[in-house]
Amino acid sequence: MKKFIRNWWFSIAMWLVALFITIWVIVGYFVYANDDDFIYSLLMINTLGPILMCITIGVANQPRKEN
């Protein structure tokens, strides 16, 4: 398990950051959404870029499979 964590820690961290951003925006949407649903919908759409970037970085930094 130690070897797995040592090799995969950055990928796991990036996936957790992407998950955190998603949850943060969804919770913020439901807490602050009143009449301006359009503005909050745009906010949710604008967070897709950073989320996809974190997921891509996490996938790109996966360790290679050992033979």
PDB file of N, CA and C in Angstrom:
ATOM      1  N   MET A   1       0.813  -1.190   0.000  1.00  0.00           N
ATOM      2  CA  MET A   1       0.000   0.000   0.000  1.00  0.00           C
ATOM      3  C   MET A   1       0.860   1.258   0.000  1.00  0.00           C
ATOM      4  N   LYS A   2       1.992   1.214   0.714  1.00  0.00           N
ATOM      5  CA  LYS A   2       2.875   2.373   0.741  1.00  0.00           C
ATOM      6  C   LYS A   2       3.391   2.704  -0.654  1.00  0.00           C
ATOM      7  N   LYS A   3       3.745   1.668  -1.410  1.00  0.00           N
ATOM      8  CA  LYS A   3       4.267   1.892  -2.764  1.00  0.00           C
ATOM      9  C   LYS A   3       3.190   2.495  -3.652  1.00  0.00           C
ATOM     10  N   PHE A   4       1.967   2.030  -3.500  1.00  0.00           N
ATOM     11  CA  PHE A   4       0.861   2.571  -4.285  1.00  0.00           C
ATOM     12  C   PHE A   4       0.676   4.059  -4.004  1.00  0.00           C
ATOM     13  N   ILE A   5       0.631   4.418  -2.728  1.00  0.00           N
ATOM     14  CA  ILE A   5       0.452   5.823  -2.356  1.00  0.00           C
ATOM     15  C   ILE A   5       1.640   6.661  -2.806  1.00  0.00           C
ATOM     16  N   ARG A   6       2.842   6.141  -2.674  1.00  0.00           N
ATOM     17  CA  ARG A   6       4.037   6.876  -3.075  1.00  0.00           C
ATOM     18  C   ARG A   6       4.036   7.148  -4.575  1.00  0.00           C
ATOM     19  N   ASN A   7       3.526   6.234  -5.372  1.00  0.00           N
ATOM     20  CA  ASN A   7       3.508   6.412  -6.819  1.00  0.00           C
ATOM     21  C   ASN A   7       2.314   7.218  -7.306  1.00  0.00           C
ATOM     22  N   TRP A   8       1.206   7.142  -6.614  1.00  0.00           N
ATOM     23  CA  TRP A   8      -0.034   7.710  -7.107  1.00  0.00           C
ATOM     24  C   TRP A   8      -0.483   8.954  -6.351  1.00  0.00           C
ATOM     25  N   TRP A   9       0.278   9.484  -5.427  1.00  0.00           N
ATOM     26  CA  TRP A   9      -0.218  10.545  -4.557  1.00  0.00           C
ATOM     27  C   TRP A   9      -0.622  11.796  -5.334  1.00  0.00           C
ATOM     28  N   PHE A  10       0.128  12.176  -6.364  1.00  0.00           N
ATOM     29  CA  PHE A  10      -0.193  13.405  -7.084  1.00  0.00           C
ATOM     30  C   PHE A  10      -1.464  13.242  -7.908  1.00  0.00           C
ATOM     31  N   SER A  11      -1.638  12.099  -8.542  1.00  0.00           N
ATOM     32  CA  SER A  11      -2.859  11.853  -9.306  1.00  0.00           C
ATOM     33  C   SER A  11      -4.075  11.850  -8.392  1.00  0.00           C
ATOM     34  N   ILE A  12      -3.954  11.205  -7.250  1.00  0.00           N
ATOM     35  CA  ILE A  12      -5.061  11.178  -6.291  1.00  0.00           C
ATOM     36  C   ILE A  12      -5.365  12.586  -5.793  1.00  0.00           C
ATOM     37  N   ALA A  13      -4.329  13.375  -5.538  1.00  0.00           N
ATOM     38  CA  ALA A  13      -4.528  14.754  -5.074  1.00  0.00           C
ATOM     39  C   ALA A  13      -5.255  15.587  -6.131  1.00  0.00           C
ATOM     40  N   MET A  14      -4.895  15.442  -7.391  1.00  0.00           N
ATOM     41  CA  MET A  14      -5.559  16.207  -8.454  1.00  0.00           C
ATOM     42  C   MET A  14      -7.015  15.803  -8.593  1.00  0.00           C
ATOM     43  N   TRP A  15      -7.305  14.517  -8.483  1.00  0.00           N
ATOM     44  CA  TRP A  15      -8.693  14.072  -8.566  1.00  0.00           C
ATOM     45  C   TRP A  15      -9.501  14.580  -7.383  1.00  0.00           C
ATOM     46  N   LEU A  16      -8.899  14.621  -6.203  1.00  0.00           N
ATOM     47  CA  LEU A  16      -9.599  15.147  -5.040  1.00  0.00           C
ATOM     48  C   LEU A  16      -9.836  16.646  -5.159  1.00  0.00           C
ATOM     49  N   VAL A  17      -8.891  17.381  -5.738  1.00  0.00           N
ATOM     50  CA  VAL A  17      -9.082  18.817  -5.960  1.00  0.00           C
ATOM     51  C   VAL A  17     -10.236  19.043  -6.934  1.00  0.00           C
ATOM     52  N   ALA A  18     -10.293  18.259  -7.998  1.00  0.00           N
ATOM     53  CA  ALA A  18     -11.401  18.384  -8.956  1.00  0.00           C
ATOM     54  C   ALA A  18     -12.734  18.073  -8.280  1.00  0.00           C
ATOM     55  N   LEU A  19     -12.768  17.059  -7.451  1.00  0.00           N
ATOM     56  CA  LEU A  19     -13.987  16.716  -6.723  1.00  0.00           C
ATOM     57  C   LEU A  19     -14.363  17.822  -5.743  1.00  0.00           C
ATOM     58  N   PHE A  20     -13.379  18.392  -5.060  1.00  0.00           N
ATOM     59  CA  PHE A  20     -13.633  19.483  -4.116  1.00  0.00           C
ATOM     60  C   PHE A  20     -14.204  20.709  -4.820  1.00  0.00           C
ATOM     61  N   ILE A  21     -13.645  21.070  -5.967  1.00  0.00           N
ATOM     62  CA  ILE A  21     -14.157  22.223  -6.718  1.00  0.00           C
ATOM     63  C   ILE A  21     -15.606  21.983  -7.138  1.00  0.00           C
ATOM     64  N   THR A  22     -15.884  20.786  -7.611  1.00  0.00           N
ATOM     65  CA  THR A  22     -17.248  20.457  -8.040  1.00  0.00           C
ATOM     66  C   THR A  22     -18.236  20.566  -6.878  1.00  0.00           C
ATOM     67  N   ILE A  23     -17.899  19.964  -5.757  1.00  0.00           N
ATOM     68  CA  ILE A  23     -18.796  20.001  -4.602  1.00  0.00           C
ATOM     69  C   ILE A  23     -18.953  21.423  -4.080  1.00  0.00           C
ATOM     70  N   TRP A  24     -17.849  22.180  -4.052  1.00  0.00           N
ATOM     71  CA  TRP A  24     -17.889  23.559  -3.568  1.00  0.00           C
ATOM     72  C   TRP A  24     -18.853  24.416  -4.402  1.00  0.00           C
ATOM     73  N   VAL A  25     -18.781  24.272  -5.729  1.00  0.00           N
ATOM     74  CA  VAL A  25     -19.641  25.065  -6.604  1.00  0.00           C
ATOM     75  C   VAL A  25     -21.093  24.631  -6.487  1.00  0.00           C
ATOM     76  N   ILE A  26     -21.354  23.347  -6.404  1.00  0.00           N
ATOM     77  CA  ILE A  26     -22.731  22.872  -6.287  1.00  0.00           C
ATOM     78  C   ILE A  26     -23.352  23.325  -4.963  1.00  0.00           C
ATOM     79  N   VAL A  27     -22.604  23.224  -3.873  1.00  0.00           N
ATOM     80  CA  VAL A  27     -23.114  23.683  -2.582  1.00  0.00           C
ATOM     81  C   VAL A  27     -23.344  25.189  -2.624  1.00  0.00           C
ATOM     82  N   GLY A  28     -22.398  25.935  -3.184  1.00  0.00           N
ATOM     83  CA  GLY A  28     -22.567  27.379  -3.307  1.00  0.00           C
ATOM     84  C   GLY A  28     -23.761  27.747  -4.160  1.00  0.00           C
ATOM     85  N   TYR A  29     -24.010  26.976  -5.181  1.00  0.00           N
ATOM     86  CA  TYR A  29     -25.169  27.231  -6.052  1.00  0.00           C
ATOM     87  C   TYR A  29     -26.469  27.112  -5.260  1.00  0.00           C
ATOM     88  N   PHE A  30     -26.590  26.055  -4.473  1.00  0.00           N
ATOM     89  CA  PHE A  30     -27.836  25.850  -3.739  1.00  0.00           C
ATOM     90  C   PHE A  30     -27.961  26.773  -2.533  1.00  0.00           C
ATOM     91  N   VAL A  31     -26.853  27.247  -1.995  1.00  0.00           N
ATOM     92  CA  VAL A  31     -26.924  28.154  -0.849  1.00  0.00           C
ATOM     93  C   VAL A  31     -27.290  29.563  -1.297  1.00  0.00           C
ATOM     94  N   TYR A  32     -26.672  30.035  -2.399  1.00  0.00           N
ATOM     95  CA  TYR A  32     -26.841  31.424  -2.801  1.00  0.00           C
ATOM     96  C   TYR A  32     -27.816  31.653  -3.954  1.00  0.00           C
ATOM     97  N   ALA A  33     -28.332  30.601  -4.551  1.00  0.00           N
ATOM     98  CA  ALA A  33     -29.225  30.774  -5.700  1.00  0.00           C
ATOM     99  C   ALA A  33     -30.566  31.342  -5.245  1.00  0.00           C
ATOM    100  N   ASN A  34     -30.864  32.515  -5.719  1.00  0.00           N
ATOM    101  CA  ASN A  34     -32.157  33.133  -5.418  1.00  0.00           C
ATOM    102  C   ASN A  34     -32.911  33.345  -6.714  1.00  0.00           C
ATOM    103  N   ASP A  35     -32.733  34.522  -7.294  1.00  0.00           N
ATOM    104  CA  ASP A  35     -33.417  34.841  -8.537  1.00  0.00           C
ATOM    105  C   ASP A  35     -32.481  34.821  -9.733  1.00  0.00           C
ATOM    106  N   ASP A  36     -31.194  34.915  -9.490  1.00  0.00           N
ATOM    107  CA  ASP A  36     -30.213  34.966 -10.575  1.00  0.00           C
ATOM    108  C   ASP A  36     -29.697  33.575 -10.922  1.00  0.00           C
ATOM    109  N   ASP A  37     -30.574  32.724 -11.386  1.00  0.00           N
ATOM    110  CA  ASP A  37     -30.147  31.378 -11.762  1.00  0.00           C
ATOM    111  C   ASP A  37     -29.204  31.414 -12.948  1.00  0.00           C
ATOM    112  N   PHE A  38     -29.354  32.402 -13.812  1.00  0.00           N
ATOM    113  CA  PHE A  38     -28.494  32.497 -14.992  1.00  0.00           C
ATOM    114  C   PHE A  38     -27.043  32.737 -14.593  1.00  0.00           C
ATOM    115  N   ILE A  39     -26.803  33.638 -13.667  1.00  0.00           N
ATOM    116  CA  ILE A  39     -25.426  33.947 -13.237  1.00  0.00           C
ATOM    117  C   ILE A  39     -24.800  32.743 -12.551  1.00  0.00           C
ATOM    118  N   TYR A  40     -25.546  32.066 -11.694  1.00  0.00           N
ATOM    119  CA  TYR A  40     -25.005  30.907 -11.003  1.00  0.00           C
ATOM    120  C   TYR A  40     -24.813  29.725 -11.946  1.00  0.00           C
ATOM    121  N   SER A  41     -25.639  29.622 -12.970  1.00  0.00           N
ATOM    122  CA  SER A  41     -25.435  28.583 -13.979  1.00  0.00           C
ATOM    123  C   SER A  41     -24.158  28.853 -14.766  1.00  0.00           C
ATOM    124  N   LEU A  42     -23.900  30.121 -15.079  1.00  0.00           N
ATOM    125  CA  LEU A  42     -22.643  30.470 -15.747  1.00  0.00           C
ATOM    126  C   LEU A  42     -21.446  30.167 -14.868  1.00  0.00           C
ATOM    127  N   LEU A  43     -21.573  30.387 -13.573  1.00  0.00           N
ATOM    128  CA  LEU A  43     -20.494  30.063 -12.649  1.00  0.00           C
ATOM    129  C   LEU A  43     -20.188  28.577 -12.670  1.00  0.00           C
ATOM    130  N   MET A  44     -21.238  27.763 -12.695  1.00  0.00           N
ATOM    131  CA  MET A  44     -21.028  26.313 -12.743  1.00  0.00           C
ATOM    132  C   MET A  44     -20.369  25.896 -14.052  1.00  0.00           C
ATOM    133  N   ILE A  45     -20.759  26.519 -15.154  1.00  0.00           N
ATOM    134  CA  ILE A  45     -20.153  26.191 -16.449  1.00  0.00           C
ATOM    135  C   ILE A  45     -18.695  26.632 -16.486  1.00  0.00           C
ATOM    136  N   ASN A  46     -18.382  27.786 -15.870  1.00  0.00           N
ATOM    137  CA  ASN A  46     -17.009  28.289 -15.875  1.00  0.00           C
ATOM    138  C   ASN A  46     -16.069  27.448 -15.027  1.00  0.00           C
ATOM    139  N   THR A  47     -16.578  26.659 -14.123  1.00  0.00           N
ATOM    140  CA  THR A  47     -15.701  25.800 -13.334  1.00  0.00           C
ATOM    141  C   THR A  47     -15.359  24.503 -14.056  1.00  0.00           C
ATOM    142  N   LEU A  48     -15.961  24.252 -15.192  1.00  0.00           N
ATOM    143  CA  LEU A  48     -15.627  23.032 -15.941  1.00  0.00           C
ATOM    144  C   LEU A  48     -14.169  23.039 -16.406  1.00  0.00           C
ATOM    145  N   GLY A  49     -13.654  24.194 -16.770  1.00  0.00           N
ATOM    146  CA  GLY A  49     -12.260  24.285 -17.228  1.00  0.00           C
ATOM    147  C   GLY A  49     -11.271  23.830 -16.171  1.00  0.00           C
ATOM    148  N   PRO A  50     -11.295  24.425 -14.970  1.00  0.00           N
ATOM    149  CA  PRO A  50     -10.367  23.964 -13.931  1.00  0.00           C
ATOM    150  C   PRO A  50     -10.580  22.514 -13.515  1.00  0.00           C
ATOM    151  N   ILE A  51     -11.830  22.061 -13.510  1.00  0.00           N
ATOM    152  CA  ILE A  51     -12.098  20.672 -13.139  1.00  0.00           C
ATOM    153  C   ILE A  51     -11.484  19.728 -14.164  1.00  0.00           C
ATOM    154  N   LEU A  52     -11.723  19.996 -15.439  1.00  0.00           N
ATOM    155  CA  LEU A  52     -11.146  19.140 -16.486  1.00  0.00           C
ATOM    156  C   LEU A  52      -9.624  19.216 -16.503  1.00  0.00           C
ATOM    157  N   MET A  53      -9.071  20.395 -16.182  1.00  0.00           N
ATOM    158  CA  MET A  53      -7.618  20.528 -16.137  1.00  0.00           C
ATOM    159  C   MET A  53      -7.039  19.671 -15.008  1.00  0.00           C
ATOM    160  N   CYS A  54      -7.675  19.682 -13.835  1.00  0.00           N
ATOM    161  CA  CYS A  54      -7.190  18.872 -12.716  1.00  0.00           C
ATOM    162  C   CYS A  54      -7.296  17.383 -13.036  1.00  0.00           C
ATOM    163  N   ILE A  55      -8.380  16.982 -13.671  1.00  0.00           N
ATOM    164  CA  ILE A  55      -8.533  15.574 -14.037  1.00  0.00           C
ATOM    165  C   ILE A  55      -7.483  15.178 -15.069  1.00  0.00           C
ATOM    166  N   THR A  56      -7.231  16.042 -16.050  1.00  0.00           N
ATOM    167  CA  THR A  56      -6.234  15.751 -17.078  1.00  0.00           C
ATOM    168  C   THR A  56      -4.837  15.654 -16.476  1.00  0.00           C
ATOM    169  N   ILE A  57      -4.501  16.559 -15.579  1.00  0.00           N
ATOM    170  CA  ILE A  57      -3.188  16.500 -14.924  1.00  0.00           C
ATOM    171  C   ILE A  57      -3.068  15.221 -14.114  1.00  0.00           C
ATOM    172  N   GLY A  58      -4.132  14.848 -13.422  1.00  0.00           N
ATOM    173  CA  GLY A  58      -4.108  13.605 -12.647  1.00  0.00           C
ATOM    174  C   GLY A  58      -3.927  12.374 -13.508  1.00  0.00           C
ATOM    175  N   VAL A  59      -4.591  12.350 -14.664  1.00  0.00           N
ATOM    176  CA  VAL A  59      -4.440  11.197 -15.580  1.00  0.00           C
ATOM    177  C   VAL A  59      -3.060  11.194 -16.220  1.00  0.00           C
ATOM    178  N   ALA A  60      -2.554  12.366 -16.558  1.00  0.00           N
ATOM    179  CA  ALA A  60      -1.242  12.447 -17.221  1.00  0.00           C
ATOM    180  C   ALA A  60      -0.111  12.049 -16.294  1.00  0.00           C
ATOM    181  N   ASN A  61      -0.280  12.207 -14.995  1.00  0.00           N
ATOM    182  CA  ASN A  61       0.787  11.896 -14.044  1.00  0.00           C
ATOM    183  C   ASN A  61       0.652  10.525 -13.413  1.00  0.00           C
ATOM    184  N   GLN A  62      -0.165   9.676 -14.001  1.00  0.00           N
ATOM    185  CA  GLN A  62      -0.248   8.314 -13.499  1.00  0.00           C
ATOM    186  C   GLN A  62       1.080   7.614 -13.785  1.00  0.00           C
ATOM    187  N   PRO A  63       1.557   6.818 -12.831  1.00  0.00           N
ATOM    188  CA  PRO A  63       2.805   6.100 -13.073  1.00  0.00           C
ATOM    189  C   PRO A  63       2.626   5.032 -14.146  1.00  0.00           C
ATOM    190  N   ARG A  64       3.707   4.769 -14.838  1.00  0.00           N
ATOM    191  CA  ARG A  64       3.677   3.754 -15.899  1.00  0.00           C
ATOM    192  C   ARG A  64       3.547   2.369 -15.277  1.00  0.00           C
ATOM    193  N   LYS A  65       2.944   1.470 -16.030  1.00  0.00           N
ATOM    194  CA  LYS A  65       2.777   0.106 -15.558  1.00  0.00           C
ATOM    195  C   LYS A  65       4.113  -0.626 -15.624  1.00  0.00           C
ATOM    196  N   GLU A  66       4.461  -1.270 -14.531  1.00  0.00           N
ATOM    197  CA  GLU A  66       5.730  -1.994 -14.486  1.00  0.00           C
ATOM    198  C   GLU A  66       5.538  -3.410 -14.988  1.00  0.00           C
ATOM    199  N   ASN A  67       6.563  -3.930 -15.646  1.00  0.00           N
ATOM    200  CA  ASN A  67       6.494  -5.307 -16.157  1.00  0.00           C
ATOM    201  C   ASN A  67       6.855  -6.297 -15.088  1.00  0.00           C
TER     202      ASN A  67
END
